[in-house]
Amino acid sequence: MRMLEADAEGADWHEGARIVLHIDPEREPDRARLAFESHLARAKWVALASLRLASRNLSAARIRQDGRVDSPNSEVRRVLTQPV
């Protein structure tokens, strides 16, 4: 999440590498840049895959009149009933 937040805020990759990944971009610029880019790409992939899964599972879920959720997937039920 921190990588996605930093990217959304337009943070410099140097800052992200230093704060999130604990890699000094001044001492190891190539490693820091590669690690930042690969972690950010993975974070974006995980977020997108999670949204796709949630969307697919939500479309299979049925909300009853009393507000409770009937779903074949107990994880969907847990996510939907979890306080925000």
N, C-alpha and C. Protein backbone atom coordinates (compact mmCIF):
# COMPACT_ATOMS: atom_id res chain seq x y z
N MET A 1 0.82 -1.19 0.00
CA MET A 1 0.00 0.00 0.00
C MET A 1 0.86 1.26 0.00
N ARG A 2 1.94 1.21 0.73
CA ARG A 2 2.78 2.40 0.81
C ARG A 2 3.36 2.77 -0.55
N MET A 3 3.69 1.76 -1.35
CA MET A 3 4.22 2.03 -2.69
C MET A 3 3.17 2.70 -3.55
N LEU A 4 1.94 2.20 -3.48
CA LEU A 4 0.86 2.78 -4.27
C LEU A 4 0.53 4.19 -3.81
N GLU A 5 0.54 4.40 -2.51
CA GLU A 5 0.28 5.75 -1.98
C GLU A 5 1.37 6.72 -2.41
N ALA A 6 2.62 6.30 -2.32
CA ALA A 6 3.73 7.16 -2.74
C ALA A 6 3.63 7.50 -4.22
N ASP A 7 3.28 6.51 -5.04
CA ASP A 7 3.13 6.74 -6.47
C ASP A 7 1.98 7.70 -6.75
N ALA A 8 0.86 7.51 -6.07
CA ALA A 8 -0.31 8.37 -6.27
C ALA A 8 -0.02 9.81 -5.86
N GLU A 9 0.83 9.98 -4.87
CA GLU A 9 1.18 11.32 -4.39
C GLU A 9 2.29 11.95 -5.22
N GLY A 10 2.81 11.21 -6.19
CA GLY A 10 3.87 11.73 -7.04
C GLY A 10 5.22 11.78 -6.37
N ALA A 11 5.43 10.94 -5.37
CA ALA A 11 6.70 10.92 -4.65
C ALA A 11 7.83 10.48 -5.58
N ASP A 12 8.99 11.03 -5.35
CA ASP A 12 10.17 10.68 -6.11
C ASP A 12 10.59 9.25 -5.77
N TRP A 13 11.08 8.51 -6.75
CA TRP A 13 11.46 7.12 -6.51
C TRP A 13 12.58 7.03 -5.48
N HIS A 14 13.43 8.05 -5.40
CA HIS A 14 14.50 8.05 -4.39
C HIS A 14 13.90 7.96 -2.98
N GLU A 15 12.87 8.77 -2.77
CA GLU A 15 12.20 8.79 -1.46
C GLU A 15 11.53 7.45 -1.17
N GLY A 16 10.86 6.89 -2.18
CA GLY A 16 10.20 5.60 -2.00
C GLY A 16 11.19 4.49 -1.69
N ALA A 17 12.31 4.49 -2.40
CA ALA A 17 13.32 3.47 -2.15
C ALA A 17 13.88 3.59 -0.74
N ARG A 18 14.12 4.83 -0.32
CA ARG A 18 14.70 5.06 1.00
C ARG A 18 13.71 4.73 2.12
N ILE A 19 12.50 5.23 2.02
CA ILE A 19 11.53 5.11 3.12
C ILE A 19 10.85 3.73 3.13
N VAL A 20 10.39 3.29 1.99
CA VAL A 20 9.62 2.04 1.94
C VAL A 20 10.52 0.81 1.89
N LEU A 21 11.55 0.87 1.06
CA LEU A 21 12.39 -0.31 0.84
C LEU A 21 13.66 -0.31 1.69
N HIS A 22 13.95 0.79 2.33
CA HIS A 22 15.15 0.92 3.18
C HIS A 22 16.43 0.67 2.38
N ILE A 23 16.46 1.21 1.17
CA ILE A 23 17.65 1.14 0.32
C ILE A 23 18.11 2.57 0.07
N ASP A 24 19.36 2.85 0.31
CA ASP A 24 19.91 4.19 0.10
C ASP A 24 20.19 4.39 -1.39
N PRO A 25 19.41 5.25 -2.06
CA PRO A 25 19.60 5.44 -3.50
C PRO A 25 20.90 6.17 -3.84
N GLU A 26 21.51 6.83 -2.87
CA GLU A 26 22.79 7.50 -3.11
C GLU A 26 23.93 6.47 -3.16
N ARG A 27 23.85 5.47 -2.29
CA ARG A 27 24.89 4.44 -2.23
C ARG A 27 24.69 3.35 -3.27
N GLU A 28 23.43 3.00 -3.54
CA GLU A 28 23.12 1.91 -4.48
C GLU A 28 22.03 2.35 -5.46
N PRO A 29 22.35 3.29 -6.35
CA PRO A 29 21.31 3.85 -7.23
C PRO A 29 20.65 2.83 -8.16
N ASP A 30 21.43 1.93 -8.73
CA ASP A 30 20.85 0.94 -9.66
C ASP A 30 19.94 -0.02 -8.92
N ARG A 31 20.41 -0.53 -7.81
CA ARG A 31 19.62 -1.47 -7.01
C ARG A 31 18.35 -0.80 -6.50
N ALA A 32 18.48 0.44 -6.02
CA ALA A 32 17.33 1.15 -5.47
C ALA A 32 16.27 1.39 -6.55
N ARG A 33 16.71 1.82 -7.72
CA ARG A 33 15.77 2.10 -8.82
C ARG A 33 15.06 0.82 -9.27
N LEU A 34 15.83 -0.25 -9.46
CA LEU A 34 15.26 -1.52 -9.91
C LEU A 34 14.28 -2.07 -8.86
N ALA A 35 14.67 -2.01 -7.60
CA ALA A 35 13.80 -2.51 -6.53
C ALA A 35 12.51 -1.69 -6.45
N PHE A 36 12.65 -0.37 -6.55
CA PHE A 36 11.46 0.48 -6.49
C PHE A 36 10.51 0.17 -7.65
N GLU A 37 11.05 0.11 -8.85
CA GLU A 37 10.22 -0.15 -10.03
C GLU A 37 9.55 -1.52 -9.97
N SER A 38 10.29 -2.53 -9.55
CA SER A 38 9.70 -3.88 -9.51
C SER A 38 8.66 -3.99 -8.40
N HIS A 39 8.92 -3.38 -7.25
CA HIS A 39 7.94 -3.41 -6.15
C HIS A 39 6.68 -2.64 -6.53
N LEU A 40 6.84 -1.50 -7.19
CA LEU A 40 5.67 -0.72 -7.61
C LEU A 40 4.86 -1.48 -8.65
N ALA A 41 5.53 -2.11 -9.60
CA ALA A 41 4.81 -2.89 -10.61
C ALA A 41 4.04 -4.04 -9.96
N ARG A 42 4.67 -4.71 -9.00
CA ARG A 42 3.99 -5.81 -8.31
C ARG A 42 2.81 -5.29 -7.49
N ALA A 43 2.99 -4.17 -6.82
CA ALA A 43 1.90 -3.60 -6.02
C ALA A 43 0.71 -3.25 -6.91
N LYS A 44 0.97 -2.70 -8.08
CA LYS A 44 -0.10 -2.38 -9.02
C LYS A 44 -0.79 -3.65 -9.51
N TRP A 45 0.00 -4.68 -9.81
CA TRP A 45 -0.57 -5.95 -10.27
C TRP A 45 -1.44 -6.57 -9.18
N VAL A 46 -0.95 -6.60 -7.95
CA VAL A 46 -1.72 -7.18 -6.84
C VAL A 46 -3.02 -6.41 -6.63
N ALA A 47 -2.96 -5.09 -6.68
CA ALA A 47 -4.16 -4.28 -6.48
C ALA A 47 -5.18 -4.56 -7.59
N LEU A 48 -4.71 -4.61 -8.82
CA LEU A 48 -5.62 -4.86 -9.94
C LEU A 48 -6.20 -6.27 -9.88
N ALA A 49 -5.36 -7.25 -9.58
CA ALA A 49 -5.85 -8.63 -9.47
C ALA A 49 -6.86 -8.75 -8.33
N SER A 50 -6.62 -8.07 -7.24
CA SER A 50 -7.55 -8.10 -6.11
C SER A 50 -8.88 -7.47 -6.48
N LEU A 51 -8.83 -6.37 -7.21
CA LEU A 51 -10.08 -5.73 -7.64
C LEU A 51 -10.86 -6.63 -8.58
N ARG A 52 -10.16 -7.29 -9.48
CA ARG A 52 -10.83 -8.20 -10.41
C ARG A 52 -11.48 -9.35 -9.65
N LEU A 53 -10.76 -9.93 -8.70
CA LEU A 53 -11.29 -11.03 -7.91
C LEU A 53 -12.49 -10.57 -7.09
N ALA A 54 -12.37 -9.42 -6.45
CA ALA A 54 -13.48 -8.90 -5.65
C ALA A 54 -14.70 -8.62 -6.52
N SER A 55 -14.47 -8.07 -7.70
CA SER A 55 -15.58 -7.78 -8.62
C SER A 55 -16.27 -9.06 -9.05
N ARG A 56 -15.48 -10.07 -9.37
CA ARG A 56 -16.06 -11.34 -9.79
C ARG A 56 -16.84 -11.99 -8.65
N ASN A 57 -16.27 -11.96 -7.45
CA ASN A 57 -16.94 -12.56 -6.30
C ASN A 57 -18.18 -11.77 -5.87
N LEU A 58 -18.11 -10.45 -5.98
CA LEU A 58 -19.27 -9.64 -5.62
C LEU A 58 -20.43 -9.87 -6.57
N SER A 59 -20.10 -10.10 -7.84
CA SER A 59 -21.18 -10.33 -8.80
C SER A 59 -21.88 -11.66 -8.51
N ALA A 60 -21.18 -12.59 -7.85
CA ALA A 60 -21.79 -13.87 -7.50
C ALA A 60 -22.51 -13.81 -6.15
N ALA A 61 -22.23 -12.75 -5.38
CA ALA A 61 -22.85 -12.62 -4.07
C ALA A 61 -24.29 -12.12 -4.20
N ARG A 62 -25.10 -12.47 -3.22
CA ARG A 62 -26.49 -12.01 -3.21
C ARG A 62 -26.74 -11.36 -1.86
N ILE A 63 -27.24 -10.14 -1.87
CA ILE A 63 -27.54 -9.44 -0.63
C ILE A 63 -29.01 -9.66 -0.30
N ARG A 64 -29.24 -10.19 0.89
CA ARG A 64 -30.61 -10.49 1.32
C ARG A 64 -31.30 -9.21 1.78
N GLN A 65 -32.60 -9.30 1.98
CA GLN A 65 -33.37 -8.13 2.41
C GLN A 65 -32.92 -7.61 3.77
N ASP A 66 -32.42 -8.50 4.62
CA ASP A 66 -31.97 -8.04 5.94
C ASP A 66 -30.55 -7.47 5.90
N GLY A 67 -29.97 -7.35 4.70
CA GLY A 67 -28.65 -6.76 4.56
C GLY A 67 -27.51 -7.74 4.65
N ARG A 68 -27.79 -8.98 4.98
CA ARG A 68 -26.75 -9.99 5.07
C ARG A 68 -26.41 -10.50 3.67
N VAL A 69 -25.23 -11.06 3.54
CA VAL A 69 -24.74 -11.50 2.24
C VAL A 69 -24.73 -13.01 2.17
N ASP A 70 -25.35 -13.54 1.12
CA ASP A 70 -25.24 -14.96 0.80
C ASP A 70 -24.22 -15.08 -0.32
N SER A 71 -23.19 -15.84 -0.08
CA SER A 71 -22.15 -16.00 -1.08
C SER A 71 -21.54 -17.38 -0.97
N PRO A 72 -21.16 -17.95 -2.09
CA PRO A 72 -20.47 -19.24 -2.03
C PRO A 72 -19.05 -19.09 -1.48
N ASN A 73 -18.60 -17.88 -1.36
CA ASN A 73 -17.23 -17.63 -0.94
C ASN A 73 -17.22 -16.96 0.43
N SER A 74 -16.76 -17.65 1.45
CA SER A 74 -16.76 -17.09 2.80
C SER A 74 -15.84 -15.89 2.93
N GLU A 75 -14.80 -15.82 2.11
CA GLU A 75 -13.89 -14.66 2.15
C GLU A 75 -14.61 -13.41 1.69
N VAL A 76 -15.45 -13.52 0.68
CA VAL A 76 -16.25 -12.38 0.22
C VAL A 76 -17.15 -11.92 1.34
N ARG A 77 -17.78 -12.86 2.03
CA ARG A 77 -18.65 -12.51 3.14
C ARG A 77 -17.88 -11.75 4.22
N ARG A 78 -16.67 -12.22 4.53
CA ARG A 78 -15.85 -11.57 5.56
C ARG A 78 -15.49 -10.15 5.14
N VAL A 79 -15.09 -9.97 3.89
CA VAL A 79 -14.72 -8.64 3.40
C VAL A 79 -15.90 -7.70 3.39
N LEU A 80 -17.05 -8.18 2.95
CA LEU A 80 -18.24 -7.32 2.86
C LEU A 80 -18.77 -6.91 4.23
N THR A 81 -18.59 -7.73 5.21
CA THR A 81 -19.13 -7.41 6.54
C THR A 81 -18.10 -6.75 7.45
N GLN A 82 -16.88 -6.61 6.98
CA GLN A 82 -15.83 -5.97 7.78
C GLN A 82 -16.06 -4.47 7.81
N PRO A 83 -15.98 -3.85 9.00
CA PRO A 83 -16.15 -2.39 9.08
C PRO A 83 -15.07 -1.68 8.30
N VAL A 84 -15.42 -0.56 7.71
CA VAL A 84 -14.47 0.23 6.92
C VAL A 84 -13.78 1.25 7.79
